[in-house]
PDB file of all heavy atoms in Angstrom:
ATOM      1  N   ALA A   1      -4.991   6.704   6.796  1.00  0.00           N
ATOM      2  CA  ALA A   1      -6.111   7.374   7.448  1.00  0.00           C
ATOM      3  C   ALA A   1      -5.833   7.672   8.922  1.00  0.00           C
ATOM      4  O   ALA A   1      -6.319   8.668   9.461  1.00  0.00           O
ATOM      5  CB  ALA A   1      -7.375   6.523   7.315  1.00  0.00           C
ATOM      6  N   GLU A   2      -5.041   6.817   9.568  1.00  0.00           N
ATOM      7  CA  GLU A   2      -4.781   6.989  10.988  1.00  0.00           C
ATOM      8  C   GLU A   2      -3.857   8.175  11.268  1.00  0.00           C
ATOM      9  O   GLU A   2      -4.033   8.891  12.260  1.00  0.00           O
ATOM     10  CB  GLU A   2      -4.166   5.708  11.574  1.00  0.00           C
ATOM     11  CG  GLU A   2      -5.133   4.545  11.721  1.00  0.00           C
ATOM     12  CD  GLU A   2      -5.540   3.948  10.376  1.00  0.00           C
ATOM     13  OE1 GLU A   2      -4.689   3.921   9.451  1.00  0.00           O
ATOM     14  OE2 GLU A   2      -6.701   3.524  10.245  1.00  0.00           O
ATOM     15  N   ASN A   3      -2.852   8.382  10.404  1.00  0.00           N
ATOM     16  CA  ASN A   3      -1.897   9.443  10.733  1.00  0.00           C
ATOM     17  C   ASN A   3      -2.116  10.747   9.969  1.00  0.00           C
ATOM     18  O   ASN A   3      -1.464  11.751  10.266  1.00  0.00           O
ATOM     19  CB  ASN A   3      -0.449   8.963  10.563  1.00  0.00           C
ATOM     20  CG  ASN A   3      -0.119   8.514   9.146  1.00  0.00           C
ATOM     21  OD1 ASN A   3      -0.621   9.049   8.174  1.00  0.00           O
ATOM     22  ND2 ASN A   3       0.765   7.518   9.040  1.00  0.00           N
ATOM     23  N   ILE A   4      -3.032  10.763   9.008  1.00  0.00           N
ATOM     24  CA  ILE A   4      -3.304  12.013   8.291  1.00  0.00           C
ATOM     25  C   ILE A   4      -3.674  13.154   9.241  1.00  0.00           C
ATOM     26  O   ILE A   4      -3.134  14.264   9.116  1.00  0.00           O
ATOM     27  CB  ILE A   4      -4.391  11.813   7.216  1.00  0.00           C
ATOM     28  CG1 ILE A   4      -3.810  11.093   5.996  1.00  0.00           C
ATOM     29  CG2 ILE A   4      -4.995  13.153   6.791  1.00  0.00           C
ATOM     30  CD1 ILE A   4      -4.836  10.733   4.942  1.00  0.00           C
ATOM     31  N   PRO A   5      -4.576  12.953  10.228  1.00  0.00           N
ATOM     32  CA  PRO A   5      -4.912  14.084  11.118  1.00  0.00           C
ATOM     33  C   PRO A   5      -3.704  14.607  11.887  1.00  0.00           C
ATOM     34  O   PRO A   5      -3.589  15.818  12.114  1.00  0.00           O
ATOM     35  CB  PRO A   5      -5.961  13.488  12.062  1.00  0.00           C
ATOM     36  CG  PRO A   5      -6.541  12.327  11.316  1.00  0.00           C
ATOM     37  CD  PRO A   5      -5.408  11.762  10.532  1.00  0.00           C
ATOM     38  N   ILE A   6      -2.808  13.717  12.274  1.00  0.00           N
ATOM     39  CA  ILE A   6      -1.617  14.136  13.025  1.00  0.00           C
ATOM     40  C   ILE A   6      -0.704  14.973  12.136  1.00  0.00           C
ATOM     41  O   ILE A   6      -0.234  16.044  12.516  1.00  0.00           O
ATOM     42  CB  ILE A   6      -0.860  12.903  13.564  1.00  0.00           C
ATOM     43  CG1 ILE A   6      -1.780  12.061  14.450  1.00  0.00           C
ATOM     44  CG2 ILE A   6       0.383  13.331  14.332  1.00  0.00           C
ATOM     45  CD1 ILE A   6      -1.188  10.715  14.838  1.00  0.00           C
ATOM     46  N   ILE A   7      -0.454  14.457  10.920  1.00  0.00           N
ATOM     47  CA  ILE A   7       0.424  15.177   9.992  1.00  0.00           C
ATOM     48  C   ILE A   7      -0.187  16.522   9.626  1.00  0.00           C
ATOM     49  O   ILE A   7       0.506  17.547   9.581  1.00  0.00           O
ATOM     50  CB  ILE A   7       0.673  14.324   8.728  1.00  0.00           C
ATOM     51  CG1 ILE A   7       1.379  13.023   9.097  1.00  0.00           C
ATOM     52  CG2 ILE A   7       1.506  15.103   7.707  1.00  0.00           C
ATOM     53  CD1 ILE A   7       1.447  12.014   7.956  1.00  0.00           C
ATOM     54  N   ALA A   8      -1.487  16.524   9.381  1.00  0.00           N
ATOM     55  CA  ALA A   8      -2.161  17.767   9.007  1.00  0.00           C
ATOM     56  C   ALA A   8      -2.066  18.801  10.122  1.00  0.00           C
ATOM     57  O   ALA A   8      -1.809  19.992   9.881  1.00  0.00           O
ATOM     58  CB  ALA A   8      -3.619  17.488   8.655  1.00  0.00           C
ATOM     59  N   GLU A   9      -2.285  18.374  11.347  1.00  0.00           N
ATOM     60  CA  GLU A   9      -2.238  19.307  12.478  1.00  0.00           C
ATOM     61  C   GLU A   9      -0.832  19.847  12.693  1.00  0.00           C
ATOM     62  O   GLU A   9      -0.643  21.035  12.948  1.00  0.00           O
ATOM     63  CB  GLU A   9      -2.717  18.611  13.744  1.00  0.00           C
ATOM     64  CG  GLU A   9      -2.713  19.515  14.974  1.00  0.00           C
ATOM     65  CD  GLU A   9      -3.211  18.822  16.222  1.00  0.00           C
ATOM     66  OE1 GLU A   9      -3.434  17.591  16.174  1.00  0.00           O
ATOM     67  OE2 GLU A   9      -3.359  19.512  17.254  1.00  0.00           O
ATOM     68  N   GLN A  10       0.174  18.976  12.561  1.00  0.00           N
ATOM     69  CA  GLN A  10       1.547  19.390  12.848  1.00  0.00           C
ATOM     70  C   GLN A  10       2.155  20.234  11.732  1.00  0.00           C
ATOM     71  O   GLN A  10       3.031  21.059  11.993  1.00  0.00           O
ATOM     72  CB  GLN A  10       2.422  18.159  13.095  1.00  0.00           C
ATOM     73  CG  GLN A  10       2.083  17.401  14.364  1.00  0.00           C
ATOM     74  CD  GLN A  10       3.013  16.222  14.620  1.00  0.00           C
ATOM     75  OE1 GLN A  10       3.950  15.974  13.858  1.00  0.00           O
ATOM     76  NE2 GLN A  10       2.752  15.490  15.681  1.00  0.00           N
ATOM     77  N   THR A  11       1.699  20.032  10.502  1.00  0.00           N
ATOM     78  CA  THR A  11       2.356  20.680   9.361  1.00  0.00           C
ATOM     79  C   THR A  11       1.509  21.721   8.651  1.00  0.00           C
ATOM     80  O   THR A  11       2.049  22.548   7.915  1.00  0.00           O
ATOM     81  CB  THR A  11       2.755  19.622   8.317  1.00  0.00           C
ATOM     82  OG1 THR A  11       1.566  19.082   7.710  1.00  0.00           O
ATOM     83  CG2 THR A  11       3.575  18.510   8.948  1.00  0.00           C
ATOM     84  N   GLN A  12       0.184  21.656   8.809  1.00  0.00           N
ATOM     85  CA  GLN A  12      -0.763  22.519   8.084  1.00  0.00           C
ATOM     86  C   GLN A  12      -0.798  22.211   6.585  1.00  0.00           C
ATOM     87  O   GLN A  12      -1.292  23.010   5.785  1.00  0.00           O
ATOM     88  CB  GLN A  12      -0.443  23.999   8.301  1.00  0.00           C
ATOM     89  CG  GLN A  12      -0.425  24.411   9.771  1.00  0.00           C
ATOM     90  CD  GLN A  12      -1.731  24.063  10.484  1.00  0.00           C
ATOM     91  OE1 GLN A  12      -2.804  24.455  10.038  1.00  0.00           O
ATOM     92  NE2 GLN A  12      -1.639  23.307  11.581  1.00  0.00           N
ATOM     93  N   ILE A  13      -0.274  21.053   6.189  1.00  0.00           N
ATOM     94  CA  ILE A  13      -0.312  20.633   4.782  1.00  0.00           C
ATOM     95  C   ILE A  13      -1.704  20.120   4.450  1.00  0.00           C
ATOM     96  O   ILE A  13      -2.364  19.477   5.277  1.00  0.00           O
ATOM     97  CB  ILE A  13       0.771  19.571   4.526  1.00  0.00           C
ATOM     98  CG1 ILE A  13       2.153  20.236   4.510  1.00  0.00           C
ATOM     99  CG2 ILE A  13       0.531  18.808   3.224  1.00  0.00           C
ATOM    100  CD1 ILE A  13       3.308  19.270   4.411  1.00  0.00           C
ATOM    101  N   HIS A  14      -2.154  20.375   3.205  1.00  0.00           N
ATOM    102  CA  HIS A  14      -3.501  20.002   2.776  1.00  0.00           C
ATOM    103  C   HIS A  14      -3.516  18.937   1.678  1.00  0.00           C
ATOM    104  O   HIS A  14      -4.585  18.572   1.194  1.00  0.00           O
ATOM    105  CB  HIS A  14      -4.250  21.242   2.260  1.00  0.00           C
ATOM    106  CG  HIS A  14      -4.660  22.193   3.327  1.00  0.00           C
ATOM    107  ND1 HIS A  14      -3.771  23.009   3.986  1.00  0.00           N
ATOM    108  CD2 HIS A  14      -5.880  22.469   3.865  1.00  0.00           C
ATOM    109  CE1 HIS A  14      -4.414  23.740   4.873  1.00  0.00           C
ATOM    110  NE2 HIS A  14      -5.694  23.436   4.819  1.00  0.00           N
ATOM    111  N   GLN A  15      -2.352  18.453   1.282  1.00  0.00           N
ATOM    112  CA  GLN A  15      -2.299  17.459   0.207  1.00  0.00           C
ATOM    113  C   GLN A  15      -1.566  16.214   0.699  1.00  0.00           C
ATOM    114  O   GLN A  15      -0.470  16.321   1.276  1.00  0.00           O
ATOM    115  CB  GLN A  15      -1.607  18.038  -1.032  1.00  0.00           C
ATOM    116  CG  GLN A  15      -2.338  19.235  -1.624  1.00  0.00           C
ATOM    117  CD  GLN A  15      -1.884  19.550  -3.039  1.00  0.00           C
ATOM    118  OE1 GLN A  15      -1.343  18.704  -3.752  1.00  0.00           O
ATOM    119  NE2 GLN A  15      -2.120  20.778  -3.472  1.00  0.00           N
ATOM    120  N   PHE A  16      -2.160  15.051   0.411  1.00  0.00           N
ATOM    121  CA  PHE A  16      -1.626  13.792   0.931  1.00  0.00           C
ATOM    122  C   PHE A  16      -1.562  12.746  -0.180  1.00  0.00           C
ATOM    123  O   PHE A  16      -2.454  12.656  -1.022  1.00  0.00           O
ATOM    124  CB  PHE A  16      -2.489  13.298   2.097  1.00  0.00           C
ATOM    125  CG  PHE A  16      -2.435  14.217   3.278  1.00  0.00           C
ATOM    126  CD1 PHE A  16      -3.313  15.290   3.385  1.00  0.00           C
ATOM    127  CD2 PHE A  16      -1.483  14.051   4.269  1.00  0.00           C
ATOM    128  CE1 PHE A  16      -3.256  16.166   4.456  1.00  0.00           C
ATOM    129  CE2 PHE A  16      -1.405  14.921   5.345  1.00  0.00           C
ATOM    130  CZ  PHE A  16      -2.299  15.973   5.439  1.00  0.00           C
ATOM    131  N   HIS A  17      -0.487  11.948  -0.140  1.00  0.00           N
ATOM    132  CA  HIS A  17      -0.163  10.980  -1.183  1.00  0.00           C
ATOM    133  C   HIS A  17       0.044   9.614  -0.537  1.00  0.00           C
ATOM    134  O   HIS A  17       0.817   9.487   0.424  1.00  0.00           O
ATOM    135  CB  HIS A  17       1.123  11.439  -1.887  1.00  0.00           C
ATOM    136  CG  HIS A  17       1.747  10.449  -2.803  1.00  0.00           C
ATOM    137  ND1 HIS A  17       1.623  10.523  -4.180  1.00  0.00           N
ATOM    138  CD2 HIS A  17       2.537   9.378  -2.566  1.00  0.00           C
ATOM    139  CE1 HIS A  17       2.305   9.540  -4.741  1.00  0.00           C
ATOM    140  NE2 HIS A  17       2.873   8.830  -3.776  1.00  0.00           N
ATOM    141  N   LEU A  18      -0.648   8.609  -1.045  1.00  0.00           N
ATOM    142  CA  LEU A  18      -0.469   7.248  -0.546  1.00  0.00           C
ATOM    143  C   LEU A  18      -0.844   6.253  -1.630  1.00  0.00           C
ATOM    144  O   LEU A  18      -1.501   6.601  -2.609  1.00  0.00           O
ATOM    145  CB  LEU A  18      -1.302   7.009   0.711  1.00  0.00           C
ATOM    146  CG  LEU A  18      -2.820   7.147   0.581  1.00  0.00           C
ATOM    147  CD1 LEU A  18      -3.513   5.887   1.053  1.00  0.00           C
ATOM    148  CD2 LEU A  18      -3.335   8.337   1.390  1.00  0.00           C
ATOM    149  N   SER A  19      -0.408   4.999  -1.438  1.00  0.00           N
ATOM    150  CA  SER A  19      -0.777   3.952  -2.394  1.00  0.00           C
ATOM    151  C   SER A  19      -1.917   3.091  -1.863  1.00  0.00           C
ATOM    152  O   SER A  19      -2.734   2.600  -2.630  1.00  0.00           O
ATOM    153  CB  SER A  19       0.429   3.070  -2.725  1.00  0.00           C
ATOM    154  OG  SER A  19       0.872   2.384  -1.567  1.00  0.00           O
ATOM    155  N   GLY A  20      -1.975   2.890  -0.550  1.00  0.00           N
ATOM    156  CA  GLY A  20      -3.039   2.060   0.023  1.00  0.00           C
ATOM    157  C   GLY A  20      -3.071   0.671  -0.563  1.00  0.00           C
ATOM    158  O   GLY A  20      -4.126   0.054  -0.669  1.00  0.00           O
ATOM    159  N   LYS A  21      -1.913   0.145  -0.932  1.00  0.00           N
ATOM    160  CA  LYS A  21      -1.880  -1.134  -1.643  1.00  0.00           C
ATOM    161  C   LYS A  21      -1.962  -2.311  -0.676  1.00  0.00           C
ATOM    162  O   LYS A  21      -1.648  -2.206   0.509  1.00  0.00           O
ATOM    163  CB  LYS A  21      -0.615  -1.234  -2.487  1.00  0.00           C
ATOM    164  CG  LYS A  21       0.689  -1.140  -1.723  1.00  0.00           C
ATOM    165  CD  LYS A  21       1.876  -1.161  -2.666  1.00  0.00           C
ATOM    166  CE  LYS A  21       3.199  -1.055  -1.925  1.00  0.00           C
ATOM    167  NZ  LYS A  21       3.373   0.229  -1.243  1.00  0.00           N
ATOM    168  N   ARG A  22      -2.385  -3.431  -1.233  1.00  0.00           N
ATOM    169  CA  ARG A  22      -2.398  -4.680  -0.476  1.00  0.00           C
ATOM    170  C   ARG A  22      -2.055  -5.820  -1.429  1.00  0.00           C
ATOM    171  O   ARG A  22      -2.252  -5.719  -2.645  1.00  0.00           O
ATOM    172  CB  ARG A  22      -3.767  -4.919   0.158  1.00  0.00           C
ATOM    173  CG  ARG A  22      -4.883  -5.197  -0.849  1.00  0.00           C
ATOM    174  CD  ARG A  22      -6.227  -5.357  -0.172  1.00  0.00           C
ATOM    175  NE  ARG A  22      -7.285  -5.595  -1.157  1.00  0.00           N
ATOM    176  CZ  ARG A  22      -8.579  -5.522  -0.876  1.00  0.00           C
ATOM    177  NH1 ARG A  22      -8.976  -5.221   0.351  1.00  0.00           N
ATOM    178  NH2 ARG A  22      -9.497  -5.746  -1.818  1.00  0.00           N
ATOM    179  N   ASN A  23      -1.530  -6.913  -0.887  1.00  0.00           N
ATOM    180  CA  ASN A  23      -1.241  -8.100  -1.687  1.00  0.00           C
ATOM    181  C   ASN A  23      -2.511  -8.915  -1.890  1.00  0.00           C
ATOM    182  O   ASN A  23      -3.287  -9.122  -0.948  1.00  0.00           O
ATOM    183  CB  ASN A  23      -0.190  -8.969  -0.998  1.00  0.00           C
ATOM    184  CG  ASN A  23       1.181  -8.324  -0.985  1.00  0.00           C
ATOM    185  OD1 ASN A  23       1.503  -7.502  -1.841  1.00  0.00           O
ATOM    186  ND2 ASN A  23       2.004  -8.672  -0.017  1.00  0.00           N
ATOM    187  N   GLU A  24      -2.690  -9.353  -3.114  1.00  0.00           N
ATOM    188  CA  GLU A  24      -3.840 -10.194  -3.439  1.00  0.00           C
ATOM    189  C   GLU A  24      -3.356 -11.383  -4.261  1.00  0.00           C
ATOM    190  O   GLU A  24      -2.428 -11.250  -5.066  1.00  0.00           O
ATOM    191  CB  GLU A  24      -4.883  -9.401  -4.230  1.00  0.00           C
ATOM    192  CG  GLU A  24      -5.434  -8.208  -3.475  1.00  0.00           C
ATOM    193  CD  GLU A  24      -6.495  -7.455  -4.262  1.00  0.00           C
ATOM    194  OE1 GLU A  24      -6.986  -8.005  -5.269  1.00  0.00           O
ATOM    195  OE2 GLU A  24      -6.820  -6.319  -3.878  1.00  0.00           O
ATOM    196  N   PRO A  25      -3.961 -12.547  -4.081  1.00  0.00           N
ATOM    197  CA  PRO A  25      -3.523 -13.718  -4.847  1.00  0.00           C
ATOM    198  C   PRO A  25      -3.812 -13.555  -6.332  1.00  0.00           C
ATOM    199  O   PRO A  25      -4.844 -13.005  -6.723  1.00  0.00           O
ATOM    200  CB  PRO A  25      -4.344 -14.862  -4.234  1.00  0.00           C
ATOM    201  CG  PRO A  25      -5.547 -14.189  -3.638  1.00  0.00           C
ATOM    202  CD  PRO A  25      -5.071 -12.850  -3.170  1.00  0.00           C
ATOM    203  N   GLY A  26      -2.883 -14.024  -7.156  1.00  0.00           N
ATOM    204  CA  GLY A  26      -3.092 -14.022  -8.592  1.00  0.00           C
ATOM    205  C   GLY A  26      -3.945 -15.209  -9.020  1.00  0.00           C
ATOM    206  O   GLY A  26      -4.270 -16.085  -8.212  1.00  0.00           O
ATOM    207  N   PRO A  27      -4.289 -15.289 -10.311  1.00  0.00           N
ATOM    208  CA  PRO A  27      -5.200 -16.331 -10.782  1.00  0.00           C
ATOM    209  C   PRO A  27      -4.533 -17.668 -11.094  1.00  0.00           C
ATOM    210  O   PRO A  27      -5.229 -18.645 -11.372  1.00  0.00           O
ATOM    211  CB  PRO A  27      -5.772 -15.715 -12.063  1.00  0.00           C
ATOM    212  CG  PRO A  27      -4.657 -14.869 -12.583  1.00  0.00           C
ATOM    213  CD  PRO A  27      -3.983 -14.305 -11.374  1.00  0.00           C
ATOM    214  N   MET A  28      -3.203 -17.744 -11.056  1.00  0.00           N
ATOM    215  CA  MET A  28      -2.519 -18.978 -11.431  1.00  0.00           C
ATOM    216  C   MET A  28      -2.866 -20.126 -10.482  1.00  0.00           C
ATOM    217  O   MET A  28      -2.759 -19.993  -9.268  1.00  0.00           O
ATOM    218  CB  MET A  28      -1.009 -18.766 -11.431  1.00  0.00           C
ATOM    219  CG  MET A  28      -0.478 -17.959 -12.606  1.00  0.00           C
ATOM    220  SD  MET A  28      -0.748 -18.777 -14.197  1.00  0.00           S
ATOM    221  CE  MET A  28       0.254 -20.248 -14.002  1.00  0.00           C
ATOM    222  N   GLN A  29      -3.289 -21.237 -11.064  1.00  0.00           N
ATOM    223  CA  GLN A  29      -3.536 -22.443 -10.280  1.00  0.00           C
ATOM    224  C   GLN A  29      -2.303 -23.342 -10.252  1.00  0.00           C
ATOM    225  O   GLN A  29      -1.957 -23.905  -9.214  1.00  0.00           O
ATOM    226  CB  GLN A  29      -4.743 -23.189 -10.843  1.00  0.00           C
ATOM    227  CG  GLN A  29      -6.039 -22.394 -10.737  1.00  0.00           C
ATOM    228  CD  GLN A  29      -7.225 -23.126 -11.329  1.00  0.00           C
ATOM    229  OE1 GLN A  29      -7.095 -24.210 -11.894  1.00  0.00           O
ATOM    230  NE2 GLN A  29      -8.402 -22.520 -11.227  1.00  0.00           N
ATOM    231  N   TYR A  30      -1.648 -23.476 -11.403  1.00  0.00           N
ATOM    232  CA  TYR A  30      -0.381 -24.200 -11.435  1.00  0.00           C
ATOM    233  C   TYR A  30       0.719 -23.240 -11.015  1.00  0.00           C
ATOM    234  O   TYR A  30       0.868 -22.165 -11.596  1.00  0.00           O
ATOM    235  CB  TYR A  30      -0.072 -24.738 -12.831  1.00  0.00           C
ATOM    236  CG  TYR A  30       1.308 -25.339 -12.925  1.00  0.00           C
ATOM    237  CD1 TYR A  30       1.580 -26.570 -12.331  1.00  0.00           C
ATOM    238  CD2 TYR A  30       2.334 -24.667 -13.565  1.00  0.00           C
ATOM    239  CE1 TYR A  30       2.853 -27.113 -12.384  1.00  0.00           C
ATOM    240  CE2 TYR A  30       3.609 -25.201 -13.623  1.00  0.00           C
ATOM    241  CZ  TYR A  30       3.859 -26.424 -13.028  1.00  0.00           C
ATOM    242  OH  TYR A  30       5.119 -26.958 -13.081  1.00  0.00           O
ATOM    243  N   ARG A  31       1.485 -23.603 -10.002  1.00  0.00           N
ATOM    244  CA  ARG A  31       2.486 -22.704  -9.450  1.00  0.00           C
ATOM    245  C   ARG A  31       3.843 -23.405  -9.375  1.00  0.00           C
ATOM    246  O   ARG A  31       4.022 -24.342  -8.616  1.00  0.00           O
ATOM    247  CB  ARG A  31       2.063 -22.208  -8.072  1.00  0.00           C
ATOM    248  CG  ARG A  31       0.741 -21.454  -8.120  1.00  0.00           C
ATOM    249  CD  ARG A  31       0.415 -20.734  -6.844  1.00  0.00           C
ATOM    250  NE  ARG A  31      -0.744 -19.865  -7.005  1.00  0.00           N
ATOM    251  CZ  ARG A  31      -1.106 -18.937  -6.145  1.00  0.00           C
ATOM    252  NH1 ARG A  31      -0.404 -18.752  -5.034  1.00  0.00           N
ATOM    253  NH2 ARG A  31      -2.167 -18.189  -6.378  1.00  0.00           N
ATOM    254  N   LYS A  32       4.770 -22.921 -10.186  1.00  0.00           N
ATOM    255  CA  LYS A  32       6.126 -23.440 -10.196  1.00  0.00           C
ATOM    256  C   LYS A  32       6.923 -22.699  -9.133  1.00  0.00           C
ATOM    257  O   LYS A  32       7.353 -21.565  -9.332  1.00  0.00           O
ATOM    258  CB  LYS A  32       6.755 -23.225 -11.573  1.00  0.00           C
ATOM    259  CG  LYS A  32       8.104 -23.907 -11.760  1.00  0.00           C
ATOM    260  CD  LYS A  32       7.919 -25.402 -11.960  1.00  0.00           C
ATOM    261  CE  LYS A  32       9.221 -26.041 -12.401  1.00  0.00           C
ATOM    262  NZ  LYS A  32       9.039 -27.502 -12.630  1.00  0.00           N
ATOM    263  N   GLU A  33       7.110 -23.335  -7.988  1.00  0.00           N
ATOM    264  CA  GLU A  33       7.785 -22.681  -6.882  1.00  0.00           C
ATOM    265  C   GLU A  33       9.306 -22.766  -7.055  1.00  0.00           C
ATOM    266  O   GLU A  33       9.829 -23.640  -7.746  1.00  0.00           O
ATOM    267  CB  GLU A  33       7.376 -23.339  -5.551  1.00  0.00           C
ATOM    268  CG  GLU A  33       5.885 -23.296  -5.256  1.00  0.00           C
ATOM    269  CD  GLU A  33       5.388 -21.904  -4.902  1.00  0.00           C
ATOM    270  OE1 GLU A  33       6.226 -20.978  -4.744  1.00  0.00           O
ATOM    271  OE2 GLU A  33       4.152 -21.734  -4.769  1.00  0.00           O
ATOM    272  N   GLY A  34      10.002 -21.831  -6.402  1.00  0.00           N
ATOM    273  CA  GLY A  34      11.448 -21.884  -6.373  1.00  0.00           C
ATOM    274  C   GLY A  34      12.130 -21.361  -7.619  1.00  0.00           C
ATOM    275  O   GLY A  34      13.334 -21.578  -7.812  1.00  0.00           O
ATOM    276  N   VAL A  35      11.383 -20.670  -8.491  1.00  0.00           N
ATOM    277  CA  VAL A  35      11.965 -20.096  -9.706  1.00  0.00           C
ATOM    278  C   VAL A  35      11.607 -18.608  -9.734  1.00  0.00           C
ATOM    279  O   VAL A  35      10.696 -18.193 -10.458  1.00  0.00           O
ATOM    280  CB  VAL A  35      11.454 -20.803 -10.981  1.00  0.00           C
ATOM    281  CG1 VAL A  35      12.220 -20.310 -12.207  1.00  0.00           C
ATOM    282  CG2 VAL A  35      11.565 -22.311 -10.853  1.00  0.00           C
ATOM    283  N   PRO A  36      12.318 -17.789  -8.956  1.00  0.00           N
ATOM    284  CA  PRO A  36      11.967 -16.369  -8.901  1.00  0.00           C
ATOM    285  C   PRO A  36      12.249 -15.657 -10.218  1.00  0.00           C
ATOM    286  O   PRO A  36      13.255 -15.914 -10.875  1.00  0.00           O
ATOM    287  CB  PRO A  36      12.854 -15.824  -7.775  1.00  0.00           C
ATOM    288  CG  PRO A  36      14.007 -16.765  -7.721  1.00  0.00           C
ATOM    289  CD  PRO A  36      13.456 -18.115  -8.081  1.00  0.00           C
ATOM    290  N   MET A  37      11.349 -14.776 -10.602  1.00  0.00           N
ATOM    291  CA  MET A  37      11.478 -14.030 -11.849  1.00  0.00           C
ATOM    292  C   MET A  37      11.973 -12.609 -11.637  1.00  0.00           C
ATOM    293  O   MET A  37      12.206 -11.879 -12.597  1.00  0.00           O
ATOM    294  CB  MET A  37      10.123 -13.980 -12.568  1.00  0.00           C
ATOM    295  CG  MET A  37       9.637 -15.318 -13.058  1.00  0.00           C
ATOM    296  SD  MET A  37      10.627 -15.899 -14.441  1.00  0.00           S
ATOM    297  CE  MET A  37      10.801 -17.631 -13.995  1.00  0.00           C
TER     298      MET A  37
END
């Protein structure tokens, strides 16, 4: 959202693509650490 106006003004492009993702904790209560999958 912060850079869309800048990109739009500089390029005149009207279509924008983003994921807007964030990390969220999973539901697992028992956590086996040190075993990467």
